[in-house]
Structures are given as C-alpha cells and as structure tokens.
Amino acid sequence: MNTEFQSYIDSREEEFRNRIMSFHDIIMEMYPGCDQKIWFNILSYRMEKGWTGWVGLGYWKEGVTLYTGAIPLITVFRQKHPGIKTGKGCINFKIKDAIPWQEVRQVIRFAMEPDR
C-alpha cells in the first residue's frame, strides 16, 4: 500500500480503519494490478485510464462508503438490502452494518469491469 493511502486510512479511529481495510483487501485480492490514487479525497482503484473501470472508498461520519459507477447494480443492491443506505452510485456502510460480502464483490466487479 502506498504512503498516501496509508495516511488516509490512518486518519480515523480503529473501527473505521478496520472497516475500510476490509474493503481495500477485497479490492486488492480481486484486482492486484489496479492503479491506486487519492481522487476527490477518496481512495480510488482503477483498471484503466479515464472514467471506466473504477471504485472508490471514503469515510463518512457513520462509516465507510463504496463509490462506483455501477448505478444499475446499486439499484439491485438497494432492493436486496433496504436497511443499508445507498446513493445513486454509492453504498454507505455504517460501522454496525453487517456487510453482504458476496453482493459487494458483485458490485465491485461490475464497476471495475463495466464492459464485461
């Protein structure tokens, strides 16, 4: 992990760091060669240059947000998990939320490989 990412992750309390590291580890397991950068104050992971093939991770006051361009899959996620807050292209996981990791992996895959 680069120092920029490490500083970002270390900027919060342990429970927030643990939660974001869980997401980071899954993304790196799925896409070990992805480009990693701080982009618009979030951790971003990209497969290609430009706007296709990306996900982002950021903190919010109650937890961690997974940002994607995967709007259709976010809609499906929202229907399956109405208790987890979502936005148009993001999922806001509270620290206390149980994470449905299988569906999260699907969202990540759809976002990172939009042409698949």
N, C-alpha and C. Protein backbone atom coordinates (compact mmCIF):
# COMPACT_ATOMS: atom_id res chain seq x y z
N MET A 1 0.85 -1.17 0.00
CA MET A 1 0.00 0.00 0.00
C MET A 1 0.90 1.24 0.00
N ASN A 2 0.52 2.22 -0.83
CA ASN A 2 1.36 3.41 -0.88
C ASN A 2 1.14 4.29 0.36
N THR A 3 2.07 5.20 0.61
CA THR A 3 2.03 6.03 1.83
C THR A 3 0.84 6.97 1.84
N GLU A 4 0.42 7.44 0.67
CA GLU A 4 -0.75 8.32 0.58
C GLU A 4 -2.01 7.59 1.07
N PHE A 5 -2.18 6.35 0.61
CA PHE A 5 -3.32 5.53 1.07
C PHE A 5 -3.22 5.27 2.56
N GLN A 6 -2.03 4.92 3.03
CA GLN A 6 -1.85 4.60 4.44
C GLN A 6 -2.19 5.80 5.32
N SER A 7 -1.77 6.99 4.93
CA SER A 7 -2.08 8.20 5.70
C SER A 7 -3.58 8.45 5.74
N TYR A 8 -4.25 8.25 4.60
CA TYR A 8 -5.70 8.42 4.54
C TYR A 8 -6.40 7.45 5.49
N ILE A 9 -6.01 6.21 5.44
CA ILE A 9 -6.62 5.18 6.29
C ILE A 9 -6.34 5.46 7.76
N ASP A 10 -5.14 5.87 8.08
CA ASP A 10 -4.75 6.12 9.46
C ASP A 10 -5.40 7.37 10.06
N SER A 11 -6.11 8.15 9.24
CA SER A 11 -6.68 9.41 9.71
C SER A 11 -7.93 9.23 10.57
N ARG A 12 -8.41 8.02 10.74
CA ARG A 12 -9.63 7.76 11.51
C ARG A 12 -9.40 6.78 12.65
N GLU A 13 -10.45 6.61 13.45
CA GLU A 13 -10.39 5.69 14.57
C GLU A 13 -10.29 4.25 14.07
N GLU A 14 -9.88 3.37 14.97
CA GLU A 14 -9.61 1.98 14.60
C GLU A 14 -10.79 1.27 13.93
N GLU A 15 -12.01 1.44 14.43
CA GLU A 15 -13.14 0.74 13.84
C GLU A 15 -13.37 1.17 12.40
N PHE A 16 -13.14 2.44 12.09
CA PHE A 16 -13.25 2.93 10.71
C PHE A 16 -12.11 2.36 9.86
N ARG A 17 -10.91 2.36 10.42
CA ARG A 17 -9.75 1.82 9.69
C ARG A 17 -9.96 0.35 9.37
N ASN A 18 -10.43 -0.41 10.34
CA ASN A 18 -10.66 -1.85 10.12
C ASN A 18 -11.68 -2.07 9.01
N ARG A 19 -12.73 -1.28 9.01
CA ARG A 19 -13.79 -1.43 8.01
C ARG A 19 -13.26 -1.10 6.60
N ILE A 20 -12.56 0.01 6.47
CA ILE A 20 -12.07 0.39 5.14
C ILE A 20 -11.00 -0.59 4.66
N MET A 21 -10.20 -1.13 5.59
CA MET A 21 -9.18 -2.11 5.20
C MET A 21 -9.81 -3.40 4.69
N SER A 22 -10.96 -3.78 5.22
CA SER A 22 -11.67 -4.97 4.71
C SER A 22 -12.02 -4.78 3.24
N PHE A 23 -12.53 -3.60 2.90
CA PHE A 23 -12.86 -3.31 1.51
C PHE A 23 -11.59 -3.24 0.65
N HIS A 24 -10.58 -2.56 1.15
CA HIS A 24 -9.31 -2.43 0.41
C HIS A 24 -8.73 -3.82 0.11
N ASP A 25 -8.71 -4.68 1.11
CA ASP A 25 -8.15 -6.02 0.92
C ASP A 25 -8.90 -6.82 -0.14
N ILE A 26 -10.21 -6.70 -0.16
CA ILE A 26 -11.00 -7.41 -1.18
C ILE A 26 -10.72 -6.87 -2.57
N ILE A 27 -10.66 -5.55 -2.69
CA ILE A 27 -10.36 -4.95 -4.00
C ILE A 27 -8.99 -5.40 -4.48
N MET A 28 -8.00 -5.40 -3.60
CA MET A 28 -6.65 -5.79 -3.99
C MET A 28 -6.56 -7.28 -4.30
N GLU A 29 -7.35 -8.09 -3.62
CA GLU A 29 -7.40 -9.52 -3.92
C GLU A 29 -7.99 -9.74 -5.31
N MET A 30 -9.05 -9.00 -5.63
CA MET A 30 -9.72 -9.16 -6.91
C MET A 30 -8.95 -8.52 -8.06
N TYR A 31 -8.27 -7.39 -7.79
CA TYR A 31 -7.59 -6.61 -8.83
C TYR A 31 -6.21 -6.18 -8.37
N PRO A 32 -5.29 -7.13 -8.21
CA PRO A 32 -3.98 -6.79 -7.64
C PRO A 32 -3.18 -5.79 -8.48
N GLY A 33 -3.44 -5.68 -9.75
CA GLY A 33 -2.67 -4.76 -10.59
C GLY A 33 -3.33 -3.43 -10.84
N CYS A 34 -4.39 -3.13 -10.10
CA CYS A 34 -5.11 -1.88 -10.36
C CYS A 34 -4.30 -0.66 -9.94
N ASP A 35 -4.60 0.46 -10.57
CA ASP A 35 -3.98 1.73 -10.24
C ASP A 35 -4.65 2.28 -8.99
N GLN A 36 -3.85 2.76 -8.03
CA GLN A 36 -4.38 3.27 -6.77
C GLN A 36 -3.97 4.73 -6.60
N LYS A 37 -4.97 5.58 -6.34
CA LYS A 37 -4.73 7.02 -6.18
C LYS A 37 -5.77 7.63 -5.27
N ILE A 38 -5.40 8.72 -4.62
CA ILE A 38 -6.39 9.54 -3.93
C ILE A 38 -7.00 10.44 -5.01
N TRP A 39 -8.32 10.38 -5.13
CA TRP A 39 -9.03 11.11 -6.19
C TRP A 39 -10.28 11.71 -5.56
N PHE A 40 -10.43 13.02 -5.61
CA PHE A 40 -11.55 13.71 -4.97
C PHE A 40 -11.69 13.32 -3.49
N ASN A 41 -10.56 13.21 -2.83
CA ASN A 41 -10.47 12.89 -1.40
C ASN A 41 -11.04 11.51 -1.04
N ILE A 42 -10.96 10.57 -1.98
CA ILE A 42 -11.32 9.18 -1.68
C ILE A 42 -10.22 8.28 -2.23
N LEU A 43 -10.12 7.07 -1.67
CA LEU A 43 -9.20 6.08 -2.22
C LEU A 43 -9.82 5.58 -3.51
N SER A 44 -9.11 5.67 -4.61
CA SER A 44 -9.68 5.19 -5.86
C SER A 44 -8.82 4.08 -6.44
N TYR A 45 -9.51 3.17 -7.06
CA TYR A 45 -8.90 1.99 -7.67
C TYR A 45 -9.40 1.94 -9.10
N ARG A 46 -8.47 1.90 -10.07
CA ARG A 46 -8.86 1.93 -11.47
C ARG A 46 -8.18 0.82 -12.24
N MET A 47 -8.93 0.27 -13.18
CA MET A 47 -8.36 -0.74 -14.08
C MET A 47 -7.80 -0.11 -15.33
N GLU A 48 -8.39 1.00 -15.75
CA GLU A 48 -7.98 1.66 -16.99
C GLU A 48 -7.88 3.15 -16.72
N LYS A 49 -7.23 3.85 -17.62
CA LYS A 49 -7.21 5.30 -17.53
C LYS A 49 -8.58 5.83 -17.94
N GLY A 50 -8.97 6.96 -17.41
CA GLY A 50 -10.26 7.54 -17.75
C GLY A 50 -11.33 7.17 -16.74
N TRP A 51 -12.56 7.21 -17.18
CA TRP A 51 -13.70 7.06 -16.28
C TRP A 51 -14.25 5.65 -16.20
N THR A 52 -13.77 4.73 -17.00
CA THR A 52 -14.31 3.38 -16.93
C THR A 52 -13.46 2.53 -15.99
N GLY A 53 -14.07 1.55 -15.38
CA GLY A 53 -13.35 0.60 -14.55
C GLY A 53 -12.78 1.17 -13.28
N TRP A 54 -13.64 1.63 -12.35
CA TRP A 54 -13.14 2.20 -11.10
C TRP A 54 -14.11 1.95 -9.95
N VAL A 55 -13.57 1.96 -8.73
CA VAL A 55 -14.33 2.05 -7.49
C VAL A 55 -13.57 2.97 -6.55
N GLY A 56 -14.26 3.48 -5.56
CA GLY A 56 -13.63 4.34 -4.58
C GLY A 56 -14.10 4.00 -3.18
N LEU A 57 -13.29 4.35 -2.20
CA LEU A 57 -13.61 4.16 -0.79
C LEU A 57 -13.39 5.47 -0.06
N GLY A 58 -14.32 5.81 0.79
CA GLY A 58 -14.18 7.02 1.58
C GLY A 58 -14.86 6.87 2.93
N TYR A 59 -14.50 7.76 3.82
CA TYR A 59 -15.12 7.80 5.13
C TYR A 59 -16.32 8.74 5.10
N TRP A 60 -17.31 8.44 5.90
CA TRP A 60 -18.36 9.39 6.22
C TRP A 60 -18.59 9.30 7.72
N LYS A 61 -19.39 10.16 8.28
CA LYS A 61 -19.46 10.28 9.74
C LYS A 61 -19.86 8.99 10.46
N GLU A 62 -20.57 8.08 9.77
CA GLU A 62 -21.01 6.86 10.44
C GLU A 62 -20.35 5.59 9.91
N GLY A 63 -19.45 5.72 8.94
CA GLY A 63 -18.83 4.51 8.42
C GLY A 63 -17.99 4.74 7.18
N VAL A 64 -18.16 3.81 6.23
CA VAL A 64 -17.36 3.79 5.00
C VAL A 64 -18.30 3.75 3.80
N THR A 65 -17.95 4.49 2.76
CA THR A 65 -18.74 4.49 1.53
C THR A 65 -17.96 3.81 0.42
N LEU A 66 -18.66 2.96 -0.32
CA LEU A 66 -18.13 2.35 -1.54
C LEU A 66 -18.74 3.12 -2.70
N TYR A 67 -17.90 3.84 -3.45
CA TYR A 67 -18.35 4.62 -4.61
C TYR A 67 -18.12 3.80 -5.87
N THR A 68 -19.08 3.86 -6.79
CA THR A 68 -18.94 3.15 -8.06
C THR A 68 -19.65 3.92 -9.16
N GLY A 69 -19.43 3.51 -10.36
CA GLY A 69 -20.22 4.00 -11.48
C GLY A 69 -21.27 2.96 -11.84
N ALA A 70 -21.49 2.00 -10.96
CA ALA A 70 -22.35 0.85 -11.22
C ALA A 70 -23.79 1.11 -10.78
N ILE A 71 -24.40 2.13 -11.33
CA ILE A 71 -25.74 2.55 -10.91
C ILE A 71 -26.77 1.43 -11.02
N PRO A 72 -26.83 0.66 -12.12
CA PRO A 72 -27.84 -0.42 -12.17
C PRO A 72 -27.67 -1.45 -11.06
N LEU A 73 -26.44 -1.79 -10.74
CA LEU A 73 -26.22 -2.79 -9.70
C LEU A 73 -26.47 -2.22 -8.30
N ILE A 74 -26.27 -0.92 -8.11
CA ILE A 74 -26.60 -0.27 -6.84
C ILE A 74 -28.11 -0.38 -6.61
N THR A 75 -28.89 -0.20 -7.67
CA THR A 75 -30.35 -0.32 -7.57
C THR A 75 -30.74 -1.73 -7.13
N VAL A 76 -30.11 -2.75 -7.70
CA VAL A 76 -30.38 -4.14 -7.31
C VAL A 76 -29.96 -4.36 -5.86
N PHE A 77 -28.80 -3.84 -5.48
CA PHE A 77 -28.31 -3.96 -4.11
C PHE A 77 -29.31 -3.34 -3.13
N ARG A 78 -29.80 -2.14 -3.46
CA ARG A 78 -30.76 -1.44 -2.61
C ARG A 78 -32.03 -2.26 -2.39
N GLN A 79 -32.49 -2.94 -3.43
CA GLN A 79 -33.69 -3.77 -3.31
C GLN A 79 -33.45 -4.97 -2.39
N LYS A 80 -32.26 -5.56 -2.48
CA LYS A 80 -31.94 -6.72 -1.64
C LYS A 80 -31.63 -6.34 -0.20
N HIS A 81 -31.10 -5.13 0.01
CA HIS A 81 -30.64 -4.69 1.33
C HIS A 81 -31.18 -3.30 1.65
N PRO A 82 -32.49 -3.18 1.84
CA PRO A 82 -33.08 -1.85 2.06
C PRO A 82 -32.62 -1.17 3.35
N GLY A 83 -32.06 -1.90 4.28
CA GLY A 83 -31.58 -1.31 5.53
C GLY A 83 -30.22 -0.66 5.42
N ILE A 84 -29.54 -0.84 4.30
CA ILE A 84 -28.22 -0.23 4.08
C ILE A 84 -28.42 0.99 3.19
N LYS A 85 -27.93 2.12 3.64
CA LYS A 85 -28.11 3.38 2.92
C LYS A 85 -27.33 3.37 1.60
N THR A 86 -28.01 3.79 0.53
CA THR A 86 -27.36 3.90 -0.78
C THR A 86 -27.64 5.26 -1.38
N GLY A 87 -26.78 5.65 -2.29
CA GLY A 87 -26.99 6.84 -3.10
C GLY A 87 -27.10 6.40 -4.54
N LYS A 88 -27.07 7.33 -5.45
CA LYS A 88 -27.21 7.00 -6.87
C LYS A 88 -26.12 6.02 -7.33
N GLY A 89 -24.89 6.26 -6.93
CA GLY A 89 -23.79 5.40 -7.35
C GLY A 89 -22.90 4.95 -6.21
N CYS A 90 -23.45 4.91 -5.00
CA CYS A 90 -22.63 4.54 -3.84
C CYS A 90 -23.44 3.76 -2.82
N ILE A 91 -22.71 3.09 -1.94
CA ILE A 91 -23.31 2.38 -0.81
C ILE A 91 -22.61 2.87 0.44
N ASN A 92 -23.40 3.34 1.42
CA ASN A 92 -22.87 3.86 2.68
C ASN A 92 -23.05 2.81 3.77
N PHE A 93 -21.95 2.19 4.15
CA PHE A 93 -21.99 1.16 5.19
C PHE A 93 -21.70 1.78 6.54
N LYS A 94 -22.66 1.66 7.45
CA LYS A 94 -22.42 2.10 8.82
C LYS A 94 -21.49 1.08 9.49
N ILE A 95 -20.79 1.53 10.50
CA ILE A 95 -19.88 0.64 11.22
C ILE A 95 -20.63 -0.58 11.74
N LYS A 96 -21.88 -0.41 12.16
CA LYS A 96 -22.64 -1.51 12.74
C LYS A 96 -23.29 -2.42 11.70
N ASP A 97 -23.31 -2.01 10.42
CA ASP A 97 -23.95 -2.82 9.37
C ASP A 97 -23.21 -4.14 9.15
N ALA A 98 -23.97 -5.21 9.00
CA ALA A 98 -23.39 -6.48 8.53
C ALA A 98 -23.18 -6.31 7.03
N ILE A 99 -22.03 -6.69 6.55
CA ILE A 99 -21.69 -6.48 5.14
C ILE A 99 -22.02 -7.75 4.35
N PRO A 100 -22.86 -7.64 3.33
CA PRO A 100 -23.13 -8.80 2.47
C PRO A 100 -22.00 -8.91 1.43
N TRP A 101 -20.90 -9.53 1.83
CA TRP A 101 -19.68 -9.51 1.02
C TRP A 101 -19.86 -10.08 -0.38
N GLN A 102 -20.68 -11.07 -0.55
CA GLN A 102 -20.87 -11.64 -1.89
C GLN A 102 -21.45 -10.58 -2.84
N GLU A 103 -22.46 -9.86 -2.40
CA GLU A 103 -23.04 -8.81 -3.24
C GLU A 103 -22.08 -7.64 -3.43
N VAL A 104 -21.30 -7.32 -2.39
CA VAL A 104 -20.30 -6.26 -2.52
C VAL A 104 -19.29 -6.63 -3.60
N ARG A 105 -18.85 -7.87 -3.61
CA ARG A 105 -17.92 -8.32 -4.65
C ARG A 105 -18.54 -8.18 -6.04
N GLN A 106 -19.83 -8.47 -6.17
CA GLN A 106 -20.51 -8.31 -7.46
C GLN A 106 -20.53 -6.85 -7.89
N VAL A 107 -20.82 -5.96 -6.95
CA VAL A 107 -20.83 -4.53 -7.26
C VAL A 107 -19.44 -4.08 -7.70
N ILE A 108 -18.42 -4.50 -6.96
CA ILE A 108 -17.04 -4.14 -7.31
C ILE A 108 -16.69 -4.66 -8.70
N ARG A 109 -17.00 -5.92 -8.96
CA ARG A 109 -16.68 -6.50 -10.26
C ARG A 109 -17.39 -5.76 -11.39
N PHE A 110 -18.67 -5.45 -11.21
CA PHE A 110 -19.44 -4.74 -12.23
C PHE A 110 -18.86 -3.36 -12.48
N ALA A 111 -18.42 -2.68 -11.40
CA ALA A 111 -17.83 -1.36 -11.54
C ALA A 111 -16.44 -1.37 -12.16
N MET A 112 -15.63 -2.35 -11.79
CA MET A 112 -14.26 -2.42 -12.29
C MET A 112 -14.19 -2.98 -13.71
N GLU A 113 -15.19 -3.76 -14.09
CA GLU A 113 -15.20 -4.37 -15.43
C GLU A 113 -16.53 -4.05 -16.12
N PRO A 114 -16.77 -2.78 -16.41
CA PRO A 114 -18.07 -2.38 -16.95
C PRO A 114 -18.39 -2.97 -18.32
N ASP A 115 -17.40 -3.36 -19.06
CA ASP A 115 -17.63 -3.92 -20.41
C ASP A 115 -17.72 -5.43 -20.41
N ARG A 116 -17.67 -6.02 -19.25
CA ARG A 116 -17.68 -7.48 -19.12
C ARG A 116 -19.03 -8.07 -19.40
